N, C-alpha and C. Protein backbone atom coordinates (compact mmCIF):
# COMPACT_ATOMS: atom_id res chain seq x y z
N UNK A 1 -9.22 36.14 -22.73
CA UNK A 1 -7.81 36.67 -22.94
C UNK A 1 -7.02 35.58 -23.19
N UNK A 2 -6.72 35.20 -24.94
CA UNK A 2 -5.81 33.86 -24.52
C UNK A 2 -4.81 34.11 -24.43
N UNK A 3 -4.04 33.20 -23.76
CA UNK A 3 -2.31 33.11 -24.03
C UNK A 3 -1.86 31.79 -24.31
N UNK A 4 -0.76 31.93 -24.99
CA UNK A 4 -0.06 30.57 -25.34
C UNK A 4 0.69 29.73 -23.97
N UNK A 5 0.29 28.69 -24.43
CA UNK A 5 0.70 27.47 -23.44
C UNK A 5 2.58 27.65 -23.33
N UNK A 6 2.82 28.61 -22.52
CA UNK A 6 4.54 28.64 -22.67
C UNK A 6 5.26 28.86 -21.89
N UNK A 7 6.42 28.35 -20.85
CA UNK A 7 6.89 28.73 -19.94
C UNK A 7 7.25 29.56 -19.14
N UNK A 8 6.97 30.95 -20.32
CA UNK A 8 7.06 32.32 -19.83
C UNK A 8 5.75 32.73 -19.32
N UNK A 9 4.37 31.85 -19.77
CA UNK A 9 3.58 32.32 -19.43
C UNK A 9 2.95 31.47 -18.01
N UNK A 10 3.42 30.51 -17.84
CA UNK A 10 3.49 29.82 -16.97
C UNK A 10 4.15 30.57 -15.34
N UNK A 11 5.24 30.86 -15.77
CA UNK A 11 6.03 31.67 -14.77
C UNK A 11 5.60 32.54 -14.61
N UNK A 12 4.70 33.45 -15.34
CA UNK A 12 4.23 34.96 -14.87
C UNK A 12 3.49 34.56 -14.43
N UNK A 13 2.39 33.06 -14.50
CA UNK A 13 1.36 33.42 -13.63
C UNK A 13 1.30 32.65 -12.16
N UNK A 14 2.70 32.29 -11.86
CA UNK A 14 2.87 31.79 -10.43
C UNK A 14 3.34 32.89 -9.88
N UNK A 15 4.25 33.78 -10.64
CA UNK A 15 4.54 35.42 -9.66
C UNK A 15 3.96 35.80 -9.12
N UNK A 16 2.30 35.83 -9.14
CA UNK A 16 1.50 36.72 -8.44
C UNK A 16 1.04 35.98 -7.38
N UNK A 17 0.91 36.75 -6.32
CA UNK A 17 1.29 35.45 -4.97
C UNK A 17 -0.79 35.36 -4.72
N UNK A 18 -1.42 35.75 -5.25
CA UNK A 18 -2.95 35.30 -5.20
C UNK A 18 -2.94 34.36 -6.25
N UNK A 19 -2.54 34.22 -7.39
CA UNK A 19 -2.62 33.12 -8.09
C UNK A 19 -2.19 31.71 -7.60
N UNK A 20 -0.39 32.41 -7.26
CA UNK A 20 -0.29 30.79 -6.54
C UNK A 20 -0.85 30.23 -5.43
N UNK A 21 -1.63 31.43 -4.40
CA UNK A 21 -1.74 30.70 -3.10
C UNK A 21 -3.31 30.08 -3.94
N UNK A 22 -4.24 29.96 -4.48
CA UNK A 22 -5.19 29.99 -5.44
C UNK A 22 -5.00 28.59 -5.82
N UNK A 23 -3.49 28.28 -6.65
CA UNK A 23 -2.65 27.53 -6.87
C UNK A 23 -3.00 25.96 -5.97
N UNK A 24 -2.35 26.28 -4.97
CA UNK A 24 -1.79 25.79 -3.97
C UNK A 24 -3.44 25.72 -3.27
N UNK A 25 -3.98 25.88 -3.12
CA UNK A 25 -5.17 25.21 -2.60
C UNK A 25 -5.97 24.38 -3.70
N UNK A 26 -5.74 24.36 -5.40
CA UNK A 26 -6.81 23.93 -6.22
C UNK A 26 -5.63 22.41 -6.17
N UNK A 27 -4.50 22.45 -6.65
CA UNK A 27 -3.47 21.78 -6.27
C UNK A 27 -3.96 20.29 -5.75
N UNK A 28 -4.73 20.27 -4.64
CA UNK A 28 -5.02 19.02 -4.09
C UNK A 28 -5.82 18.11 -5.00
N UNK A 29 -6.02 18.31 -6.30
CA UNK A 29 -7.21 17.39 -7.17
C UNK A 29 -8.25 17.55 -6.93
N UNK A 30 -8.83 18.23 -5.53
CA UNK A 30 -10.59 18.46 -5.22
C UNK A 30 -10.96 19.25 -6.20
N UNK A 31 -12.21 19.61 -6.29
CA UNK A 31 -12.55 20.93 -7.09
C UNK A 31 -12.59 21.76 -6.24
N UNK A 32 -12.99 23.02 -5.97
CA UNK A 32 -12.95 24.60 -5.26
C UNK A 32 -14.26 25.57 -6.25
N UNK A 33 -14.95 25.75 -5.70
CA UNK A 33 -15.45 26.95 -5.38
C UNK A 33 -14.49 28.05 -5.51
N UNK A 34 -15.22 29.30 -6.42
CA UNK A 34 -14.57 30.60 -6.19
C UNK A 34 -15.32 31.53 -4.60
N UNK A 35 -16.21 30.99 -4.28
CA UNK A 35 -16.60 31.33 -3.43
C UNK A 35 -15.46 30.52 -1.56
N UNK A 36 -15.00 29.56 -2.01
CA UNK A 36 -14.54 29.19 -1.24
C UNK A 36 -12.73 29.74 -0.89
N UNK A 37 -12.26 29.67 -2.43
CA UNK A 37 -11.16 30.29 -2.30
C UNK A 37 -10.92 32.12 -2.49
N UNK A 38 -12.39 32.55 -2.43
CA UNK A 38 -12.34 33.60 -1.78
C UNK A 38 -12.35 34.00 0.14
N UNK A 39 -13.04 33.27 0.30
CA UNK A 39 -13.00 32.99 1.67
C UNK A 39 -11.46 32.76 2.26
N UNK A 40 -11.10 32.14 1.74
CA UNK A 40 -9.38 31.55 1.98
C UNK A 40 -8.38 32.34 1.92
N UNK A 41 -8.68 33.37 1.06
CA UNK A 41 -7.51 34.02 0.81
C UNK A 41 -7.64 34.92 1.11
N UNK A 42 -8.92 35.83 1.49
CA UNK A 42 -9.94 37.13 1.59
C UNK A 42 -9.34 38.30 0.14
N UNK A 43 -9.98 37.72 -0.55
CA UNK A 43 -10.12 38.09 -1.89
C UNK A 43 -11.70 38.57 -2.31
N UNK A 44 -11.69 39.66 -2.93
CA UNK A 44 -13.52 39.84 -3.73
C UNK A 44 -13.51 39.05 -5.06
N UNK A 45 -14.57 38.99 -4.82
CA UNK A 45 -15.35 38.14 -6.28
C UNK A 45 -14.43 38.04 -7.27
N UNK A 46 -14.45 39.62 -7.71
CA UNK A 46 -14.05 40.05 -9.22
C UNK A 46 -12.61 39.65 -9.30
N UNK A 47 -11.42 39.99 -8.17
CA UNK A 47 -10.41 39.87 -8.72
C UNK A 47 -9.73 38.06 -8.92
N UNK A 48 -11.30 37.43 -7.42
CA UNK A 48 -10.69 35.85 -7.58
C UNK A 48 -10.88 35.30 -9.09
N UNK A 49 -11.87 35.93 -10.09
CA UNK A 49 -12.61 35.46 -11.25
C UNK A 49 -11.22 35.70 -11.85
N UNK A 50 -10.91 36.61 -12.04
CA UNK A 50 -9.73 37.30 -12.84
C UNK A 50 -8.43 36.26 -12.79
N UNK A 51 -8.08 36.22 -11.49
CA UNK A 51 -7.26 35.20 -11.31
C UNK A 51 -7.38 33.73 -12.21
N UNK A 52 -8.54 32.91 -11.70
CA UNK A 52 -8.72 31.75 -12.25
C UNK A 52 -9.19 31.36 -13.71
N UNK A 53 -9.50 32.99 -14.33
CA UNK A 53 -9.19 33.11 -15.65
C UNK A 53 -7.88 32.98 -16.49
N UNK A 54 -6.93 33.53 -15.94
CA UNK A 54 -5.90 33.60 -16.12
C UNK A 54 -5.02 32.09 -16.00
N UNK A 55 -5.30 31.35 -14.82
CA UNK A 55 -4.58 30.29 -14.68
C UNK A 55 -5.27 29.18 -15.50
N UNK A 56 -6.60 29.27 -15.94
CA UNK A 56 -7.53 28.34 -17.04
C UNK A 56 -6.89 28.57 -18.30
N UNK A 57 -6.39 30.15 -18.58
CA UNK A 57 -5.65 30.19 -19.61
C UNK A 57 -4.56 29.84 -20.22
N UNK A 58 -4.15 29.49 -19.49
CA UNK A 58 -2.93 28.77 -19.77
C UNK A 58 -2.72 27.53 -19.60
N UNK A 59 -4.10 26.60 -19.11
CA UNK A 59 -4.20 25.38 -19.08
C UNK A 59 -3.88 24.69 -17.54
N UNK A 60 -4.13 25.47 -16.67
CA UNK A 60 -3.52 24.76 -15.79
C UNK A 60 -4.86 24.21 -14.92
N UNK A 61 -5.77 25.06 -15.28
CA UNK A 61 -7.28 24.58 -14.48
C UNK A 61 -8.29 23.93 -15.34
N UNK A 62 -9.16 23.56 -15.11
CA UNK A 62 -10.40 22.95 -15.99
C UNK A 62 -11.36 23.93 -14.99
N UNK A 63 -12.66 24.13 -15.65
CA UNK A 63 -13.50 24.18 -14.36
C UNK A 63 -15.17 23.85 -15.19
N UNK A 64 -15.93 23.87 -14.09
CA UNK A 64 -17.33 23.67 -14.03
C UNK A 64 -18.22 24.28 -13.92
N UNK A 65 -19.63 24.76 -14.63
CA UNK A 65 -20.30 25.49 -13.86
C UNK A 65 -21.50 24.42 -12.93
N UNK A 66 -21.59 25.03 -11.93
CA UNK A 66 -22.95 24.15 -11.31
C UNK A 66 -23.76 25.16 -10.73
N UNK A 67 -24.97 25.62 -11.42
CA UNK A 67 -26.17 26.70 -11.25
C UNK A 67 -25.41 28.36 -11.23
N UNK A 68 -25.53 28.60 -10.56
CA UNK A 68 -24.56 30.49 -9.93
C UNK A 68 -22.74 29.60 -9.75
N UNK A 69 -22.35 28.70 -9.42
CA UNK A 69 -20.98 28.29 -8.80
C UNK A 69 -20.13 27.93 -10.30
N UNK A 70 -18.93 28.69 -9.94
CA UNK A 70 -17.94 28.02 -11.02
C UNK A 70 -17.17 27.08 -10.38
N UNK A 71 -16.52 25.89 -10.45
CA UNK A 71 -15.88 25.34 -9.60
C UNK A 71 -14.49 24.67 -10.67
N UNK A 72 -13.73 24.66 -10.18
CA UNK A 72 -12.11 24.36 -10.64
C UNK A 72 -11.62 23.60 -10.18
N UNK A 73 -10.75 23.16 -11.10
CA UNK A 73 -10.21 21.65 -10.57
C UNK A 73 -8.68 21.90 -11.34
N UNK A 74 -7.83 21.11 -10.85
CA UNK A 74 -6.52 21.01 -11.91
C UNK A 74 -6.43 20.03 -13.08
N UNK A 75 -6.12 20.74 -13.73
CA UNK A 75 -6.17 19.88 -15.50
C UNK A 75 -5.45 18.93 -15.27
N UNK A 76 -6.09 17.22 -15.54
CA UNK A 76 -5.26 16.11 -15.79
C UNK A 76 -4.63 16.47 -16.60
N UNK A 77 -4.52 16.94 -17.97
CA UNK A 77 -3.47 17.40 -18.88
C UNK A 77 -2.34 17.99 -18.72
N UNK A 78 -2.28 18.33 -17.89
CA UNK A 78 -1.17 19.00 -17.69
C UNK A 78 0.23 18.60 -18.05
N UNK A 79 1.24 19.17 -18.77
CA UNK A 79 2.62 18.72 -18.97
C UNK A 79 3.22 18.22 -18.30
N UNK A 80 3.89 16.72 -17.54
CA UNK A 80 4.69 16.09 -16.50
C UNK A 80 5.61 17.53 -16.05
N UNK A 81 6.39 18.25 -17.01
CA UNK A 81 7.64 19.16 -16.75
C UNK A 81 6.94 20.37 -15.94
N UNK A 82 6.12 20.50 -16.23
CA UNK A 82 5.10 21.76 -15.61
C UNK A 82 4.37 21.19 -14.79
N UNK A 83 4.00 20.23 -14.33
CA UNK A 83 3.90 19.85 -12.76
C UNK A 83 4.45 19.60 -12.01
N UNK A 84 5.83 19.29 -12.07
CA UNK A 84 7.16 19.81 -11.55
C UNK A 84 7.31 20.56 -11.14
N UNK A 85 7.62 21.71 -11.93
CA UNK A 85 8.25 23.26 -11.86
C UNK A 85 6.66 23.86 -10.84
N UNK A 86 5.71 23.42 -11.10
CA UNK A 86 4.36 23.63 -10.56
C UNK A 86 4.57 23.17 -8.73
N UNK A 87 4.69 21.71 -8.58
CA UNK A 87 4.91 21.16 -7.20
C UNK A 87 6.42 22.03 -6.60
N UNK A 88 7.28 22.14 -7.17
CA UNK A 88 8.47 22.45 -7.19
C UNK A 88 8.30 24.30 -6.17
N UNK A 89 7.46 24.77 -6.98
CA UNK A 89 7.15 26.48 -6.71
C UNK A 89 6.21 26.36 -5.63
N UNK A 90 5.21 25.39 -5.84
CA UNK A 90 4.49 25.15 -4.48
C UNK A 90 5.03 24.94 -3.06
N UNK A 91 6.15 23.68 -3.40
CA UNK A 91 6.80 23.29 -1.98
C UNK A 91 7.69 24.61 -1.43
N UNK A 92 8.28 25.54 -2.31
CA UNK A 92 8.91 26.46 -2.30
C UNK A 92 8.39 27.97 -1.44
N UNK A 93 7.04 27.71 -1.95
CA UNK A 93 6.19 29.25 -1.34
C UNK A 93 5.83 28.35 0.14
N UNK A 94 5.55 27.33 0.06
CA UNK A 94 5.09 27.13 1.58
C UNK A 94 6.67 26.81 3.12
N UNK A 95 7.45 26.46 1.98
CA UNK A 95 8.51 26.86 2.99
C UNK A 95 8.79 28.27 3.45
N UNK A 96 8.86 29.14 2.40
CA UNK A 96 8.76 30.64 2.60
C UNK A 96 8.31 31.12 3.88
N UNK A 97 7.21 30.82 4.10
CA UNK A 97 6.28 30.73 4.82
C UNK A 97 6.11 30.82 6.14
N UNK A 98 6.93 29.43 6.55
CA UNK A 98 7.59 29.24 7.45
C UNK A 98 8.11 30.37 8.06
N UNK A 99 8.44 29.95 9.59
CA UNK A 99 9.05 31.11 10.70
C UNK A 99 10.58 30.94 9.99
N UNK A 100 11.64 31.73 9.57
CA UNK A 100 13.17 31.31 9.35
C UNK A 100 13.48 31.21 10.92
N UNK A 101 14.78 30.34 10.71
CA UNK A 101 15.57 29.91 12.05
C UNK A 101 15.76 31.03 12.52
N UNK A 102 15.47 30.91 13.67
CA UNK A 102 15.68 31.92 14.53
C UNK A 102 17.41 32.05 15.42
N UNK A 103 18.42 32.71 15.44
CA UNK A 103 19.43 32.40 16.54
C UNK A 103 19.75 33.63 17.12
N UNK A 104 20.19 33.40 18.39
CA UNK A 104 20.06 34.56 19.36
C UNK A 104 21.20 34.99 19.26
N UNK A 105 21.49 36.60 19.11
CA UNK A 105 22.52 37.12 18.89
C UNK A 105 22.85 37.77 20.55
N UNK A 106 24.78 37.09 20.92
CA UNK A 106 25.24 37.31 21.73
C UNK A 106 25.44 39.23 22.18
């Protein structure tokens, strides 16, 4: 399923919570196998592979086969403007997961 490298496709890919969480793991620069992502995110192999294929199709990830494993990593050729968008979205997502500031109501 080929996708064009457009801002709309980037934002659409980042809008899905599982893909965003997976990208947050992979964005550290290390390689991660589907089995690790499945375990950390609690999703099935088919669902995880589908999300990884989408991220790869728009150019955010590269993959490498290692026997029966597929290992994904951040694509070093992602344009700087996209990296800035992704970094900002990941930071906002991490902040969104923190408990909100609590105030006591009298």
